[in-house]
Amino acid sequence: TLERDRRGAAARLNGILARPANSPLAEPAGW
């Protein structure tokens, strides 16, 4: 479930940035 949430957040972030939803993102380094 958490992995699904992480992928969803990444897709949403890519969408806001006008990138393809499946564009790779690095692991976050911290808050």
PDB file of all heavy atoms in Angstrom:
ATOM      1  N   THR A   1       0.828  -1.207   0.000  1.00  0.00           N
ATOM      2  CA  THR A   1       0.000   0.000   0.000  1.00  0.00           C
ATOM      3  C   THR A   1       0.864   1.259   0.000  1.00  0.00           C
ATOM      4  O   THR A   1       0.595   2.219  -0.729  1.00  0.00           O
ATOM      5  CB  THR A   1      -0.932   0.001   1.220  1.00  0.00           C
ATOM      6  OG1 THR A   1      -1.765  -1.157   1.175  1.00  0.00           O
ATOM      7  CG2 THR A   1      -1.797   1.250   1.236  1.00  0.00           C
ATOM      8  N   LEU A   2       1.906   1.261   0.810  1.00  0.00           N
ATOM      9  CA  LEU A   2       2.791   2.423   0.873  1.00  0.00           C
ATOM     10  C   LEU A   2       3.534   2.631  -0.444  1.00  0.00           C
ATOM     11  O   LEU A   2       3.750   3.765  -0.873  1.00  0.00           O
ATOM     12  CB  LEU A   2       3.776   2.263   2.024  1.00  0.00           C
ATOM     13  CG  LEU A   2       3.190   2.378   3.433  1.00  0.00           C
ATOM     14  CD1 LEU A   2       4.223   1.971   4.475  1.00  0.00           C
ATOM     15  CD2 LEU A   2       2.705   3.810   3.688  1.00  0.00           C
ATOM     16  N   GLU A   3       3.929   1.544  -1.088  1.00  0.00           N
ATOM     17  CA  GLU A   3       4.601   1.665  -2.379  1.00  0.00           C
ATOM     18  C   GLU A   3       3.650   2.251  -3.419  1.00  0.00           C
ATOM     19  O   GLU A   3       4.055   3.065  -4.262  1.00  0.00           O
ATOM     20  CB  GLU A   3       5.115   0.309  -2.830  1.00  0.00           C
ATOM     21  CG  GLU A   3       5.863   0.328  -4.162  1.00  0.00           C
ATOM     22  CD  GLU A   3       7.073   1.235  -4.131  1.00  0.00           C
ATOM     23  OE1 GLU A   3       7.738   1.342  -3.076  1.00  0.00           O
ATOM     24  OE2 GLU A   3       7.351   1.875  -5.183  1.00  0.00           O
ATOM     25  N   ARG A   4       2.376   1.835  -3.349  1.00  0.00           N
ATOM     26  CA  ARG A   4       1.381   2.431  -4.239  1.00  0.00           C
ATOM     27  C   ARG A   4       1.272   3.927  -3.989  1.00  0.00           C
ATOM     28  O   ARG A   4       1.206   4.733  -4.937  1.00  0.00           O
ATOM     29  CB  ARG A   4       0.031   1.757  -4.015  1.00  0.00           C
ATOM     30  CG  ARG A   4      -1.109   2.317  -4.859  1.00  0.00           C
ATOM     31  CD  ARG A   4      -2.444   2.052  -4.199  1.00  0.00           C
ATOM     32  NE  ARG A   4      -2.556   2.732  -2.916  1.00  0.00           N
ATOM     33  CZ  ARG A   4      -3.512   2.506  -2.020  1.00  0.00           C
ATOM     34  NH1 ARG A   4      -4.434   1.596  -2.252  1.00  0.00           N
ATOM     35  NH2 ARG A   4      -3.540   3.194  -0.888  1.00  0.00           N
ATOM     36  N   ASP A   5       1.247   4.337  -2.722  1.00  0.00           N
ATOM     37  CA  ASP A   5       1.159   5.757  -2.384  1.00  0.00           C
ATOM     38  C   ASP A   5       2.383   6.519  -2.882  1.00  0.00           C
ATOM     39  O   ASP A   5       2.265   7.658  -3.350  1.00  0.00           O
ATOM     40  CB  ASP A   5       1.015   5.931  -0.877  1.00  0.00           C
ATOM     41  CG  ASP A   5      -0.297   5.383  -0.345  1.00  0.00           C
ATOM     42  OD1 ASP A   5      -1.229   5.184  -1.162  1.00  0.00           O
ATOM     43  OD2 ASP A   5      -0.392   5.136   0.872  1.00  0.00           O
ATOM     44  N   ARG A   6       3.555   5.902  -2.783  1.00  0.00           N
ATOM     45  CA  ARG A   6       4.762   6.569  -3.251  1.00  0.00           C
ATOM     46  C   ARG A   6       4.725   6.765  -4.767  1.00  0.00           C
ATOM     47  O   ARG A   6       5.067   7.842  -5.270  1.00  0.00           O
ATOM     48  CB  ARG A   6       6.013   5.777  -2.858  1.00  0.00           C
ATOM     49  CG  ARG A   6       7.310   6.436  -3.337  1.00  0.00           C
ATOM     50  CD  ARG A   6       8.536   5.869  -2.661  1.00  0.00           C
ATOM     51  NE  ARG A   6       8.756   4.456  -2.989  1.00  0.00           N
ATOM     52  CZ  ARG A   6       9.813   3.761  -2.578  1.00  0.00           C
ATOM     53  NH1 ARG A   6      10.745   4.347  -1.809  1.00  0.00           N
ATOM     54  NH2 ARG A   6       9.945   2.488  -2.900  1.00  0.00           N
ATOM     55  N   ARG A   7       4.299   5.747  -5.494  1.00  0.00           N
ATOM     56  CA  ARG A   7       4.189   5.883  -6.946  1.00  0.00           C
ATOM     57  C   ARG A   7       3.147   6.930  -7.319  1.00  0.00           C
ATOM     58  O   ARG A   7       3.329   7.696  -8.270  1.00  0.00           O
ATOM     59  CB  ARG A   7       3.853   4.536  -7.583  1.00  0.00           C
ATOM     60  CG  ARG A   7       4.972   3.510  -7.518  1.00  0.00           C
ATOM     61  CD  ARG A   7       4.708   2.369  -8.496  1.00  0.00           C
ATOM     62  NE  ARG A   7       3.426   1.723  -8.248  1.00  0.00           N
ATOM     63  CZ  ARG A   7       3.257   0.664  -7.466  1.00  0.00           C
ATOM     64  NH1 ARG A   7       4.298   0.122  -6.853  1.00  0.00           N
ATOM     65  NH2 ARG A   7       2.053   0.137  -7.298  1.00  0.00           N
ATOM     66  N   GLY A   8       2.041   6.951  -6.561  1.00  0.00           N
ATOM     67  CA  GLY A   8       1.016   7.952  -6.835  1.00  0.00           C
ATOM     68  C   GLY A   8       1.513   9.363  -6.607  1.00  0.00           C
ATOM     69  O   GLY A   8       1.234  10.266  -7.407  1.00  0.00           O
ATOM     70  N   ALA A   9       2.248   9.580  -5.516  1.00  0.00           N
ATOM     71  CA  ALA A   9       2.802  10.907  -5.240  1.00  0.00           C
ATOM     72  C   ALA A   9       3.796  11.310  -6.317  1.00  0.00           C
ATOM     73  O   ALA A   9       3.845  12.473  -6.742  1.00  0.00           O
ATOM     74  CB  ALA A   9       3.458  10.930  -3.860  1.00  0.00           C
ATOM     75  N   ALA A  10       4.613  10.351  -6.778  1.00  0.00           N
ATOM     76  CA  ALA A  10       5.579  10.641  -7.838  1.00  0.00           C
ATOM     77  C   ALA A  10       4.869  11.011  -9.141  1.00  0.00           C
ATOM     78  O   ALA A  10       5.272  11.949  -9.840  1.00  0.00           O
ATOM     79  CB  ALA A  10       6.501   9.445  -8.047  1.00  0.00           C
ATOM     80  N   ALA A  11       3.810  10.271  -9.485  1.00  0.00           N
ATOM     81  CA  ALA A  11       3.057  10.577 -10.704  1.00  0.00           C
ATOM     82  C   ALA A  11       2.403  11.948 -10.618  1.00  0.00           C
ATOM     83  O   ALA A  11       2.397  12.712 -11.596  1.00  0.00           O
ATOM     84  CB  ALA A  11       2.004   9.498 -10.947  1.00  0.00           C
ATOM     85  N   ARG A  12       1.847  12.266  -9.447  1.00  0.00           N
ATOM     86  CA  ARG A  12       1.227  13.583  -9.261  1.00  0.00           C
ATOM     87  C   ARG A  12       2.272  14.694  -9.380  1.00  0.00           C
ATOM     88  O   ARG A  12       2.021  15.724 -10.004  1.00  0.00           O
ATOM     89  CB  ARG A  12       0.539  13.626  -7.901  1.00  0.00           C
ATOM     90  CG  ARG A  12      -0.221  14.922  -7.634  1.00  0.00           C
ATOM     91  CD  ARG A  12      -1.209  14.742  -6.499  1.00  0.00           C
ATOM     92  NE  ARG A  12      -0.590  14.292  -5.277  1.00  0.00           N
ATOM     93  CZ  ARG A  12      -0.635  13.059  -4.791  1.00  0.00           C
ATOM     94  NH1 ARG A  12      -1.287  12.115  -5.443  1.00  0.00           N
ATOM     95  NH2 ARG A  12      -0.048  12.756  -3.650  1.00  0.00           N
ATOM     96  N   LEU A  13       3.432  14.481  -8.811  1.00  0.00           N
ATOM     97  CA  LEU A  13       4.505  15.462  -8.895  1.00  0.00           C
ATOM     98  C   LEU A  13       4.948  15.651 -10.337  1.00  0.00           C
ATOM     99  O   LEU A  13       5.140  16.785 -10.805  1.00  0.00           O
ATOM    100  CB  LEU A  13       5.673  15.018  -8.017  1.00  0.00           C
ATOM    101  CG  LEU A  13       6.831  15.997  -7.808  1.00  0.00           C
ATOM    102  CD1 LEU A  13       6.329  17.323  -7.264  1.00  0.00           C
ATOM    103  CD2 LEU A  13       7.854  15.386  -6.840  1.00  0.00           C
ATOM    104  N   ASN A  14       5.099  14.568 -11.070  1.00  0.00           N
ATOM    105  CA  ASN A  14       5.469  14.659 -12.487  1.00  0.00           C
ATOM    106  C   ASN A  14       4.408  15.402 -13.288  1.00  0.00           C
ATOM    107  O   ASN A  14       4.724  16.195 -14.184  1.00  0.00           O
ATOM    108  CB  ASN A  14       5.691  13.269 -13.064  1.00  0.00           C
ATOM    109  CG  ASN A  14       7.052  12.687 -12.699  1.00  0.00           C
ATOM    110  OD1 ASN A  14       8.047  13.406 -12.633  1.00  0.00           O
ATOM    111  ND2 ASN A  14       7.098  11.383 -12.455  1.00  0.00           N
ATOM    112  N   GLY A  15       3.138  15.140 -12.986  1.00  0.00           N
ATOM    113  CA  GLY A  15       2.064  15.813 -13.704  1.00  0.00           C
ATOM    114  C   GLY A  15       2.087  17.319 -13.508  1.00  0.00           C
ATOM    115  O   GLY A  15       1.883  18.085 -14.455  1.00  0.00           O
ATOM    116  N   ILE A  16       2.320  17.764 -12.284  1.00  0.00           N
ATOM    117  CA  ILE A  16       2.390  19.202 -12.010  1.00  0.00           C
ATOM    118  C   ILE A  16       3.547  19.832 -12.767  1.00  0.00           C
ATOM    119  O   ILE A  16       3.460  20.973 -13.228  1.00  0.00           O
ATOM    120  CB  ILE A  16       2.529  19.448 -10.505  1.00  0.00           C
ATOM    121  CG1 ILE A  16       1.324  18.861  -9.757  1.00  0.00           C
ATOM    122  CG2 ILE A  16       2.640  20.943 -10.203  1.00  0.00           C
ATOM    123  CD1 ILE A  16       1.514  18.829  -8.259  1.00  0.00           C
ATOM    124  N   LEU A  17       4.639  19.076 -12.933  1.00  0.00           N
ATOM    125  CA  LEU A  17       5.832  19.577 -13.608  1.00  0.00           C
ATOM    126  C   LEU A  17       5.786  19.373 -15.114  1.00  0.00           C
ATOM    127  O   LEU A  17       6.797  19.600 -15.796  1.00  0.00           O
ATOM    128  CB  LEU A  17       7.075  18.891 -13.036  1.00  0.00           C
ATOM    129  CG  LEU A  17       7.355  19.152 -11.552  1.00  0.00           C
ATOM    130  CD1 LEU A  17       8.505  18.288 -11.064  1.00  0.00           C
ATOM    131  CD2 LEU A  17       7.656  20.623 -11.309  1.00  0.00           C
ATOM    132  N   ALA A  18       4.632  18.943 -15.637  1.00  0.00           N
ATOM    133  CA  ALA A  18       4.466  18.727 -17.075  1.00  0.00           C
ATOM    134  C   ALA A  18       5.433  17.676 -17.599  1.00  0.00           C
ATOM    135  O   ALA A  18       5.965  17.773 -18.702  1.00  0.00           O
ATOM    136  CB  ALA A  18       4.623  20.043 -17.839  1.00  0.00           C
ATOM    137  N   ARG A  19       5.663  16.626 -16.795  1.00  0.00           N
ATOM    138  CA  ARG A  19       6.485  15.493 -17.192  1.00  0.00           C
ATOM    139  C   ARG A  19       5.599  14.261 -17.337  1.00  0.00           C
ATOM    140  O   ARG A  19       4.521  14.197 -16.733  1.00  0.00           O
ATOM    141  CB  ARG A  19       7.586  15.219 -16.157  1.00  0.00           C
ATOM    142  CG  ARG A  19       8.487  16.388 -15.869  1.00  0.00           C
ATOM    143  CD  ARG A  19       9.432  16.048 -14.719  1.00  0.00           C
ATOM    144  NE  ARG A  19      10.526  15.173 -15.130  1.00  0.00           N
ATOM    145  CZ  ARG A  19      11.000  14.171 -14.413  1.00  0.00           C
ATOM    146  NH1 ARG A  19      10.426  13.863 -13.256  1.00  0.00           N
ATOM    147  NH2 ARG A  19      12.013  13.426 -14.845  1.00  0.00           N
ATOM    148  N   PRO A  20       6.005  13.284 -18.138  1.00  0.00           N
ATOM    149  CA  PRO A  20       5.251  12.030 -18.178  1.00  0.00           C
ATOM    150  C   PRO A  20       5.106  11.440 -16.784  1.00  0.00           C
ATOM    151  O   PRO A  20       6.028  11.514 -15.969  1.00  0.00           O
ATOM    152  CB  PRO A  20       6.105  11.153 -19.093  1.00  0.00           C
ATOM    153  CG  PRO A  20       6.857  12.115 -19.962  1.00  0.00           C
ATOM    154  CD  PRO A  20       7.135  13.304 -19.089  1.00  0.00           C
ATOM    155  N   ALA A  21       3.957  10.835 -16.518  1.00  0.00           N
ATOM    156  CA  ALA A  21       3.656  10.351 -15.170  1.00  0.00           C
ATOM    157  C   ALA A  21       4.672   9.338 -14.672  1.00  0.00           C
ATOM    158  O   ALA A  21       4.938   9.258 -13.470  1.00  0.00           O
ATOM    159  CB  ALA A  21       2.251   9.755 -15.130  1.00  0.00           C
ATOM    160  N   ASN A  22       5.246   8.557 -15.587  1.00  0.00           N
ATOM    161  CA  ASN A  22       6.191   7.509 -15.190  1.00  0.00           C
ATOM    162  C   ASN A  22       7.643   7.973 -15.249  1.00  0.00           C
ATOM    163  O   ASN A  22       8.557   7.133 -15.192  1.00  0.00           O
ATOM    164  CB  ASN A  22       5.993   6.266 -16.049  1.00  0.00           C
ATOM    165  CG  ASN A  22       6.212   6.543 -17.536  1.00  0.00           C
ATOM    166  OD1 ASN A  22       6.299   7.704 -17.950  1.00  0.00           O
ATOM    167  ND2 ASN A  22       6.293   5.477 -18.327  1.00  0.00           N
ATOM    168  N   SER A  23       7.898   9.254 -15.378  1.00  0.00           N
ATOM    169  CA  SER A  23       9.266   9.755 -15.395  1.00  0.00           C
ATOM    170  C   SER A  23       9.958   9.424 -14.083  1.00  0.00           C
ATOM    171  O   SER A  23       9.369   9.551 -13.006  1.00  0.00           O
ATOM    172  CB  SER A  23       9.285  11.266 -15.631  1.00  0.00           C
ATOM    173  OG  SER A  23       8.747  11.588 -16.897  1.00  0.00           O
ATOM    174  N   PRO A  24      11.220   9.006 -14.146  1.00  0.00           N
ATOM    175  CA  PRO A  24      11.902   8.602 -12.910  1.00  0.00           C
ATOM    176  C   PRO A  24      12.187   9.794 -11.997  1.00  0.00           C
ATOM    177  O   PRO A  24      12.474  10.897 -12.455  1.00  0.00           O
ATOM    178  CB  PRO A  24      13.203   7.970 -13.426  1.00  0.00           C
ATOM    179  CG  PRO A  24      13.422   8.598 -14.771  1.00  0.00           C
ATOM    180  CD  PRO A  24      12.059   8.849 -15.345  1.00  0.00           C
ATOM    181  N   LEU A  25      12.090   9.549 -10.710  1.00  0.00           N
ATOM    182  CA  LEU A  25      12.450  10.516  -9.687  1.00  0.00           C
ATOM    183  C   LEU A  25      13.405   9.860  -8.708  1.00  0.00           C
ATOM    184  O   LEU A  25      13.242   8.686  -8.362  1.00  0.00           O
ATOM    185  CB  LEU A  25      11.212  11.018  -8.934  1.00  0.00           C
ATOM    186  CG  LEU A  25      10.263  11.968  -9.665  1.00  0.00           C
ATOM    187  CD1 LEU A  25       9.011  12.213  -8.823  1.00  0.00           C
ATOM    188  CD2 LEU A  25      10.942  13.281  -9.991  1.00  0.00           C
ATOM    189  N   ALA A  26      14.390  10.617  -8.254  1.00  0.00           N
ATOM    190  CA  ALA A  26      15.320  10.097  -7.260  1.00  0.00           C
ATOM    191  C   ALA A  26      14.614   9.915  -5.922  1.00  0.00           C
ATOM    192  O   ALA A  26      13.569  10.521  -5.663  1.00  0.00           O
ATOM    193  CB  ALA A  26      16.507  11.045  -7.102  1.00  0.00           C
ATOM    194  N   GLU A  27      15.179   9.063  -5.097  1.00  0.00           N
ATOM    195  CA  GLU A  27      14.635   8.927  -3.750  1.00  0.00           C
ATOM    196  C   GLU A  27      14.810  10.232  -2.990  1.00  0.00           C
ATOM    197  O   GLU A  27      15.858  10.867  -3.078  1.00  0.00           O
ATOM    198  CB  GLU A  27      15.338   7.789  -3.007  1.00  0.00           C
ATOM    199  CG  GLU A  27      15.024   6.402  -3.537  1.00  0.00           C
ATOM    200  CD  GLU A  27      15.619   5.310  -2.674  1.00  0.00           C
ATOM    201  OE1 GLU A  27      16.393   5.647  -1.740  1.00  0.00           O
ATOM    202  OE2 GLU A  27      15.318   4.126  -2.927  1.00  0.00           O
ATOM    203  N   PRO A  28      13.800  10.659  -2.243  1.00  0.00           N
ATOM    204  CA  PRO A  28      13.930  11.910  -1.488  1.00  0.00           C
ATOM    205  C   PRO A  28      15.011  11.793  -0.421  1.00  0.00           C
ATOM    206  O   PRO A  28      15.126  10.772   0.261  1.00  0.00           O
ATOM    207  CB  PRO A  28      12.543  12.101  -0.870  1.00  0.00           C
ATOM    208  CG  PRO A  28      11.950  10.730  -0.825  1.00  0.00           C
ATOM    209  CD  PRO A  28      12.498   9.993  -2.003  1.00  0.00           C
ATOM    210  N   ALA A  29      15.797  12.851  -0.267  1.00  0.00           N
ATOM    211  CA  ALA A  29      16.894  12.846   0.698  1.00  0.00           C
ATOM    212  C   ALA A  29      16.444  13.237   2.096  1.00  0.00           C
ATOM    213  O   ALA A  29      17.211  13.122   3.044  1.00  0.00           O
ATOM    214  CB  ALA A  29      18.011  13.781   0.234  1.00  0.00           C
ATOM    215  N   GLY A  30      15.236  13.710   2.258  1.00  0.00           N
ATOM    216  CA  GLY A  30      14.747  14.113   3.577  1.00  0.00           C
ATOM    217  C   GLY A  30      13.679  15.175   3.465  1.00  0.00           C
ATOM    218  O   GLY A  30      13.386  15.693   2.385  1.00  0.00           O
ATOM    219  N   TRP A  31      13.108  15.492   4.605  1.00  0.00           N
ATOM    220  CA  TRP A  31      12.052  16.504   4.650  1.00  0.00           C
ATOM    221  C   TRP A  31      12.601  17.879   4.292  1.00  0.00           C
ATOM    222  O   TRP A  31      13.720  18.214   4.667  1.00  0.00           O
ATOM    223  CB  TRP A  31      11.454  16.585   6.054  1.00  0.00           C
ATOM    224  CG  TRP A  31      10.676  15.393   6.499  1.00  0.00           C
ATOM    225  CD1 TRP A  31      11.084  14.455   7.404  1.00  0.00           C
ATOM    226  CD2 TRP A  31       9.369  15.008   6.086  1.00  0.00           C
ATOM    227  NE1 TRP A  31      10.106  13.515   7.576  1.00  0.00           N
ATOM    228  CE2 TRP A  31       9.030  13.830   6.770  1.00  0.00           C
ATOM    229  CE3 TRP A  31       8.447  15.540   5.188  1.00  0.00           C
ATOM    230  CZ2 TRP A  31       7.821  13.174   6.610  1.00  0.00           C
ATOM    231  CZ3 TRP A  31       7.234  14.887   5.030  1.00  0.00           C
ATOM    232  CH2 TRP A  31       6.933  13.726   5.722  1.00  0.00           C
TER     233      TRP A  31
END
